[in-house]
Amino acid sequence: MLRHMANPAPVTLVVGDEEFLADRAVGSIVAAVRAEDSGAELHDLQGSKVEPGELTGLASPSLFGDRSIIVIRGAQDLSKDVIAEILKYTAHPADDTVLVLAHPGGVKGKALVDGVKKAGADVVTVAKVTKAGERLDFIKAEVRREGRSISAAAAQALLDAVGSDLRELAAACNQLAFDTEGKNIDEAAVAKYYRGRAEVSGFTIADLAIEGRLGEALEQVRWAIATGVAPVLIVSALAGGLRSLAKVGGAPRNLRGGQLASHVGMPPWKIDRVKRQLAGWGPEGISVALQAVATADEQVKGGGTDPAYALEKAVHTIVASRSTR
């Protein structure tokens, strides 16, 4: 995958139903193009909505010579006419356009997959991560991305504590790399931040608070603190959840699907969840909640004497802020 990041092919097919990794692969190609040309225009499309002739129009040479990136997600839903157009295009791609097709694999849309491969498209395969050993390899790779290493025992402890969701594992690796010192992350470092975390996570607490479920959120905060979850991780998750609300809630109303995902920098599945959580929230309420989390962050990092109280107060404020529109 590093080869694709360094020198994106004219046409790349990302195949696999591991959504987190597929989104990352697509994002790495977009980032590589923009590293070469910061003004490259991105067209982020959903396969079910691509019309015949649309690809040809978007890939037509610009009067100003600008480079463009066309991302088509859910390529299995493309119509036969559009598939035929893509296969013809792949054989003779435009010089100033990078086309990225994301397909989950499987039988649906297989003609597209076979056709673009035969026509010479580059292929990135993102295999489903199903085994514990594969998740351990994922953890080690994530830590290496941060310029660090992690012992086998620490990787296993993190997997046991956080669970199998790649999004949460990636976030945990990032947070550990940020909050710990030294080259290697050992089991003691994982225990410090994640001991007893198997049944509760900062993401769970954030979702409960944002959805207004005060009693459940407070119960989970108390359980997390009692079992050794670092308060800073809970604050980080609360802040992340609220920032997601602000991004999606503040996005232009005319953006849909892939265009919205590109604008806010989130995968479509996460946007769908955030949209559901936005009910009852307004800009003023989100602002008040973010201020409360900023205060809690300062207190749990040494500005206060009772991190648990700071967290509970932040959760109370977040829930109360939902009605502030």
Protein backbone atom coordinates (compact mmCIF):
# COMPACT_ATOMS: atom_id res chain seq x y z
CA MET A 1 0.00 0.00 0.00
CA LEU A 2 2.91 2.36 0.53
CA ARG A 3 3.64 2.16 -3.19
CA HIS A 4 0.20 3.52 -3.95
CA MET A 5 0.66 6.33 -1.47
CA ALA A 6 3.96 7.37 -3.04
CA ASN A 7 2.87 7.24 -6.67
CA PRO A 8 -0.88 6.83 -7.25
CA ALA A 9 -1.85 4.90 -10.39
CA PRO A 10 -4.24 6.46 -12.93
CA VAL A 11 -6.88 3.90 -11.87
CA THR A 12 -6.90 2.02 -8.56
CA LEU A 13 -9.38 -0.62 -7.43
CA VAL A 14 -9.72 -1.01 -3.64
CA VAL A 15 -11.32 -4.39 -2.96
CA GLY A 16 -12.52 -5.66 0.41
CA ASP A 17 -15.31 -5.30 2.95
CA GLU A 18 -13.16 -4.18 5.90
CA GLU A 19 -14.61 -0.67 5.83
CA PHE A 20 -12.07 1.01 8.07
CA LEU A 21 -9.14 -0.25 6.00
CA ALA A 22 -10.87 0.45 2.68
CA ASP A 23 -11.57 4.04 3.72
CA ARG A 24 -7.96 4.42 4.83
CA ALA A 25 -6.68 3.03 1.49
CA VAL A 26 -8.84 5.47 -0.45
CA GLY A 27 -7.78 8.32 1.82
CA SER A 28 -4.09 7.51 1.35
CA ILE A 29 -4.44 7.77 -2.43
CA VAL A 30 -6.29 11.08 -2.18
CA ALA A 31 -3.63 12.39 0.21
CA ALA A 32 -0.83 11.28 -2.14
CA VAL A 33 -2.37 13.14 -5.07
CA ARG A 34 -2.85 16.27 -3.02
CA ALA A 35 0.73 16.03 -1.75
CA GLU A 36 1.79 16.43 -5.38
CA ASP A 37 -0.93 18.96 -6.24
CA SER A 38 -2.66 20.66 -3.32
CA GLY A 39 -5.27 22.14 -5.65
CA ALA A 40 -6.45 18.79 -7.01
CA GLU A 41 -10.26 18.70 -7.08
CA LEU A 42 -11.96 15.74 -5.39
CA HIS A 43 -15.20 14.23 -6.71
CA ASP A 44 -16.45 11.69 -4.14
CA LEU A 45 -19.35 9.68 -5.58
CA GLN A 46 -21.63 6.80 -4.59
CA GLY A 47 -21.89 4.01 -7.16
CA SER A 48 -25.68 3.84 -7.07
CA LYS A 49 -25.93 7.52 -8.07
CA VAL A 50 -23.34 7.70 -10.87
CA GLU A 51 -25.00 8.45 -14.20
CA PRO A 52 -23.77 7.36 -17.65
CA GLY A 53 -21.40 9.98 -19.03
CA GLU A 54 -20.60 11.43 -15.60
CA LEU A 55 -17.14 9.86 -15.37
CA THR A 56 -16.27 11.00 -18.88
CA GLY A 57 -17.36 14.53 -18.06
CA LEU A 58 -15.44 14.72 -14.80
CA ALA A 59 -12.30 13.28 -16.40
CA SER A 60 -12.33 15.69 -19.32
CA PRO A 61 -9.24 17.93 -19.50
CA SER A 62 -9.56 21.18 -17.58
CA LEU A 63 -8.98 24.50 -19.33
CA PHE A 64 -6.62 25.37 -16.49
CA GLY A 65 -4.82 22.03 -16.45
CA ASP A 66 -5.99 21.23 -12.91
CA ARG A 67 -5.61 17.68 -11.62
CA SER A 68 -8.67 15.84 -10.35
CA ILE A 69 -9.46 12.81 -8.20
CA ILE A 70 -12.60 10.77 -8.79
CA VAL A 71 -13.57 8.37 -6.00
CA ILE A 72 -16.47 5.99 -6.58
CA ARG A 73 -17.53 4.16 -3.42
CA GLY A 74 -19.96 1.24 -3.45
CA ALA A 75 -18.83 0.34 -6.98
CA GLN A 76 -20.86 -2.86 -6.81
CA ASP A 77 -23.98 -0.70 -7.32
CA LEU A 78 -22.87 0.84 -10.62
CA SER A 79 -25.21 0.31 -13.59
CA LYS A 80 -24.13 -1.80 -16.57
CA ASP A 81 -23.78 1.28 -18.77
CA VAL A 82 -21.51 3.00 -16.25
CA ILE A 83 -19.43 -0.16 -15.79
CA ALA A 84 -18.92 -0.31 -19.55
CA GLU A 85 -17.87 3.35 -19.50
CA ILE A 86 -15.38 2.72 -16.67
CA LEU A 87 -13.85 -0.29 -18.43
CA LYS A 88 -13.37 1.77 -21.59
CA TYR A 89 -11.87 4.61 -19.56
CA THR A 90 -9.51 2.31 -17.62
CA ALA A 91 -7.92 1.13 -20.86
CA HIS A 92 -7.04 4.75 -21.74
CA PRO A 93 -7.18 6.90 -18.57
CA ALA A 94 -6.78 10.67 -18.61
CA ASP A 95 -3.35 12.05 -17.78
CA ASP A 96 -4.52 14.54 -15.18
CA THR A 97 -7.12 12.38 -13.41
CA VAL A 98 -6.81 9.71 -10.72
CA LEU A 99 -9.77 7.32 -10.49
CA VAL A 100 -10.32 5.24 -7.35
CA LEU A 101 -12.99 2.52 -7.24
CA ALA A 102 -14.00 0.98 -3.90
CA HIS A 103 -15.71 -2.43 -4.13
CA PRO A 104 -16.48 -4.72 -1.16
CA GLY A 105 -15.81 -7.90 -3.11
CA GLY A 106 -18.36 -10.63 -3.69
CA VAL A 107 -20.44 -11.52 -6.73
CA LYS A 108 -22.32 -8.26 -7.25
CA GLY A 109 -20.41 -6.04 -9.65
CA LYS A 110 -17.83 -8.76 -10.34
CA ALA A 111 -17.79 -7.78 -14.04
CA LEU A 112 -16.36 -4.42 -13.00
CA VAL A 113 -13.68 -5.98 -10.79
CA ASP A 114 -12.57 -8.47 -13.44
CA GLY A 115 -12.73 -5.88 -16.20
CA VAL A 116 -10.66 -3.15 -14.57
CA LYS A 117 -8.07 -5.70 -13.44
CA LYS A 118 -7.77 -6.95 -17.02
CA ALA A 119 -7.56 -3.37 -18.30
CA GLY A 120 -4.53 -2.73 -16.10
CA ALA A 121 -5.90 -1.00 -13.00
CA ASP A 122 -3.81 -1.11 -9.85
CA VAL A 123 -5.40 -3.24 -7.12
CA VAL A 124 -5.34 -2.77 -3.35
CA THR A 125 -6.88 -5.64 -1.40
CA VAL A 126 -8.11 -5.03 2.15
CA ALA A 127 -8.83 -8.41 3.66
CA LYS A 128 -11.37 -8.80 6.43
CA VAL A 129 -9.65 -8.98 9.81
CA THR A 130 -11.29 -11.94 11.53
CA LYS A 131 -8.65 -13.73 13.60
CA ALA A 132 -7.08 -12.63 16.86
CA GLY A 133 -3.62 -13.01 15.34
CA GLU A 134 -4.56 -10.65 12.52
CA ARG A 135 -5.81 -8.06 15.01
CA LEU A 136 -2.54 -8.34 16.92
CA ASP A 137 -0.67 -7.70 13.67
CA PHE A 138 -2.96 -4.71 13.08
CA ILE A 139 -2.13 -3.28 16.53
CA LYS A 140 1.60 -3.66 15.93
CA ALA A 141 1.29 -1.99 12.52
CA GLU A 142 -0.74 0.90 13.97
CA VAL A 143 1.88 1.51 16.64
CA ARG A 144 4.62 1.43 13.99
CA ARG A 145 2.70 4.13 12.08
CA GLU A 146 3.27 6.33 15.14
CA GLY A 147 7.00 5.60 15.12
CA ARG A 148 6.79 3.30 18.15
CA SER A 149 6.86 -0.41 18.92
CA ILE A 150 4.73 -2.55 21.23
CA SER A 151 5.55 -5.81 22.96
CA ALA A 152 3.57 -8.96 22.18
CA ALA A 153 2.18 -9.04 25.72
CA ALA A 154 1.12 -5.40 25.53
CA ALA A 155 -0.57 -5.92 22.16
CA GLN A 156 -2.53 -8.85 23.57
CA ALA A 157 -3.49 -6.85 26.66
CA LEU A 158 -4.75 -4.02 24.47
CA LEU A 159 -6.79 -6.39 22.31
CA ASP A 160 -8.32 -8.00 25.41
CA ALA A 161 -9.23 -4.60 26.83
CA VAL A 162 -10.49 -2.74 23.76
CA GLY A 163 -12.07 -5.52 21.71
CA SER A 164 -12.14 -6.29 18.01
CA ASP A 165 -13.38 -3.03 16.45
CA LEU A 166 -10.56 -1.72 14.24
CA ARG A 167 -11.66 1.89 14.66
CA GLU A 168 -11.35 1.66 18.45
CA LEU A 169 -8.09 -0.28 18.24
CA ALA A 170 -6.58 2.34 15.93
CA ALA A 171 -7.71 5.14 18.26
CA ALA A 172 -6.28 3.30 21.27
CA CYS A 173 -2.91 2.82 19.57
CA ASN A 174 -2.81 6.49 18.64
CA GLN A 175 -3.69 7.55 22.17
CA LEU A 176 -1.11 5.24 23.75
CA ALA A 177 1.60 6.56 21.44
CA PHE A 178 0.66 10.11 22.39
CA ASP A 179 0.40 9.57 26.15
CA THR A 180 3.41 7.32 26.77
CA GLU A 181 7.16 7.88 26.49
CA GLY A 182 10.02 5.77 25.22
CA LYS A 183 10.35 3.71 22.05
CA ASN A 184 8.52 0.60 23.20
CA ILE A 185 5.02 0.40 24.68
CA ASP A 186 4.94 -2.35 27.27
CA GLU A 187 2.22 -4.19 29.15
CA ALA A 188 2.49 -1.84 32.14
CA ALA A 189 1.64 1.14 29.92
CA VAL A 190 -1.42 -0.63 28.54
CA ALA A 191 -2.52 -1.63 32.03
CA LYS A 192 -2.20 1.97 33.22
CA TYR A 193 -4.66 3.25 30.64
CA TYR A 194 -6.84 0.24 29.81
CA ARG A 195 -6.95 -2.10 32.80
CA GLY A 196 -10.44 -3.60 33.15
CA ARG A 197 -11.69 -1.88 30.02
CA ALA A 198 -13.15 -4.94 28.28
CA GLU A 199 -16.73 -4.00 29.13
CA VAL A 200 -16.57 -0.23 28.81
CA SER A 201 -14.82 2.28 26.61
CA GLY A 202 -14.65 6.04 26.25
CA PHE A 203 -16.54 5.66 22.96
CA THR A 204 -19.41 3.93 24.76
CA ILE A 205 -19.59 6.70 27.36
CA ALA A 206 -19.47 9.40 24.68
CA ASP A 207 -22.30 7.82 22.69
CA LEU A 208 -24.48 7.47 25.80
CA ALA A 209 -23.89 11.09 26.87
CA ILE A 210 -24.46 12.54 23.40
CA GLU A 211 -27.68 10.53 23.07
CA GLY A 212 -28.93 11.95 26.39
CA ARG A 213 -28.81 8.69 28.36
CA LEU A 214 -27.55 10.28 31.56
CA GLY A 215 -28.01 7.40 34.01
CA GLU A 216 -26.28 4.86 31.78
CA ALA A 217 -23.45 7.27 30.95
CA LEU A 218 -22.74 8.03 34.60
CA GLU A 219 -22.86 4.34 35.49
CA GLN A 220 -20.29 3.60 32.78
CA VAL A 221 -18.07 6.49 33.91
CA ARG A 222 -18.03 5.15 37.46
CA TRP A 223 -17.33 1.61 36.29
CA ALA A 224 -14.55 2.81 34.00
CA ILE A 225 -12.87 4.77 36.79
CA ALA A 226 -13.25 1.88 39.24
CA THR A 227 -11.61 -0.54 36.82
CA GLY A 228 -8.69 1.71 35.99
CA VAL A 229 -9.57 3.38 32.71
CA ALA A 230 -7.52 6.58 32.38
CA PRO A 231 -9.82 9.64 32.67
CA VAL A 232 -7.91 11.34 29.83
CA LEU A 233 -9.13 8.64 27.42
CA ILE A 234 -12.75 9.25 28.40
CA VAL A 235 -12.34 12.98 27.92
CA SER A 236 -10.74 12.38 24.53
CA ALA A 237 -13.69 10.24 23.43
CA LEU A 238 -16.21 12.82 24.66
CA ALA A 239 -14.42 15.57 22.75
CA GLY A 240 -14.21 13.43 19.62
CA GLY A 241 -17.91 12.63 19.69
CA LEU A 242 -18.87 16.29 20.07
CA ARG A 243 -16.49 17.39 17.33
CA SER A 244 -18.12 14.86 15.03
CA LEU A 245 -21.53 16.39 15.82
CA ALA A 246 -20.17 19.85 15.01
CA LYS A 247 -18.65 18.73 11.71
CA VAL A 248 -21.71 16.90 10.41
CA GLY A 249 -24.18 19.43 11.82
CA GLY A 250 -22.28 22.33 10.29
CA ALA A 251 -21.75 20.78 6.85
CA PRO A 252 -23.53 22.32 3.82
CA ARG A 253 -27.01 20.83 3.47
CA ASN A 254 -26.59 20.05 -0.20
CA LEU A 255 -23.76 17.58 0.40
CA ARG A 256 -24.67 13.89 0.34
CA GLY A 257 -22.94 10.53 0.47
CA GLY A 258 -19.31 10.55 -0.54
CA GLN A 259 -19.16 14.32 -0.94
CA LEU A 260 -20.26 14.79 2.66
CA ALA A 261 -17.80 12.12 3.81
CA SER A 262 -14.99 13.94 2.04
CA HIS A 263 -16.02 17.33 3.42
CA VAL A 264 -16.14 16.25 7.08
CA GLY A 265 -13.34 13.68 6.87
CA MET A 266 -15.38 10.71 8.11
CA PRO A 267 -16.37 7.38 6.57
CA PRO A 268 -20.05 7.12 5.53
CA TRP A 269 -20.95 4.60 8.26
CA LYS A 270 -19.80 7.04 10.95
CA ILE A 271 -21.72 9.93 9.38
CA ASP A 272 -24.93 7.88 9.48
CA ARG A 273 -24.47 7.28 13.22
CA VAL A 274 -23.65 10.94 13.92
CA LYS A 275 -26.72 12.08 11.96
CA ARG A 276 -28.90 9.93 14.23
CA GLN A 277 -27.19 11.43 17.29
CA LEU A 278 -27.75 15.01 16.08
CA ALA A 279 -31.44 14.91 17.06
CA GLY A 280 -31.92 17.44 19.87
CA TRP A 281 -28.60 19.17 19.24
CA GLY A 282 -27.96 22.70 18.00
CA PRO A 283 -24.77 24.75 17.50
CA GLU A 284 -25.09 26.52 20.86
CA GLY A 285 -25.56 23.27 22.74
CA ILE A 286 -22.54 21.68 21.07
CA SER A 287 -20.45 24.75 21.95
CA VAL A 288 -21.47 24.60 25.62
CA ALA A 289 -20.75 20.85 25.74
CA LEU A 290 -17.31 21.29 24.17
CA GLN A 291 -16.46 23.98 26.72
CA ALA A 292 -17.43 21.60 29.51
CA VAL A 293 -15.21 18.88 28.07
CA ALA A 294 -12.30 21.34 27.74
CA THR A 295 -12.69 22.16 31.43
CA ALA A 296 -12.78 18.46 32.31
CA ASP A 297 -9.67 17.86 30.20
CA GLU A 298 -7.76 20.48 32.16
CA GLN A 299 -8.94 19.04 35.48
CA VAL A 300 -8.09 15.39 34.73
CA LYS A 301 -4.62 16.44 33.55
CA GLY A 302 -3.76 17.99 36.89
CA GLY A 303 -5.86 21.12 37.13
CA GLY A 304 -8.30 19.52 39.57
CA THR A 305 -8.25 17.13 42.50
CA ASP A 306 -11.11 14.78 41.57
CA PRO A 307 -11.04 13.45 37.98
CA ALA A 308 -14.15 11.33 38.54
CA TYR A 309 -16.16 14.37 39.63
CA ALA A 310 -14.85 16.36 36.66
CA LEU A 311 -15.98 13.62 34.27
CA GLU A 312 -19.42 13.27 35.83
CA LYS A 313 -19.92 17.04 35.73
CA ALA A 314 -18.94 17.08 32.03
CA VAL A 315 -21.43 14.27 31.28
CA HIS A 316 -24.20 16.14 33.12
CA THR A 317 -23.47 19.28 31.08
CA ILE A 318 -23.37 17.36 27.79
CA VAL A 319 -26.78 15.78 28.43
CA ALA A 320 -28.26 19.10 29.56
CA SER A 321 -26.88 20.83 26.47
CA ARG A 322 -28.86 18.62 24.07
CA SER A 323 -31.93 20.86 24.38
CA THR A 324 -29.93 24.07 23.77
CA ARG A 325 -30.65 24.77 20.11
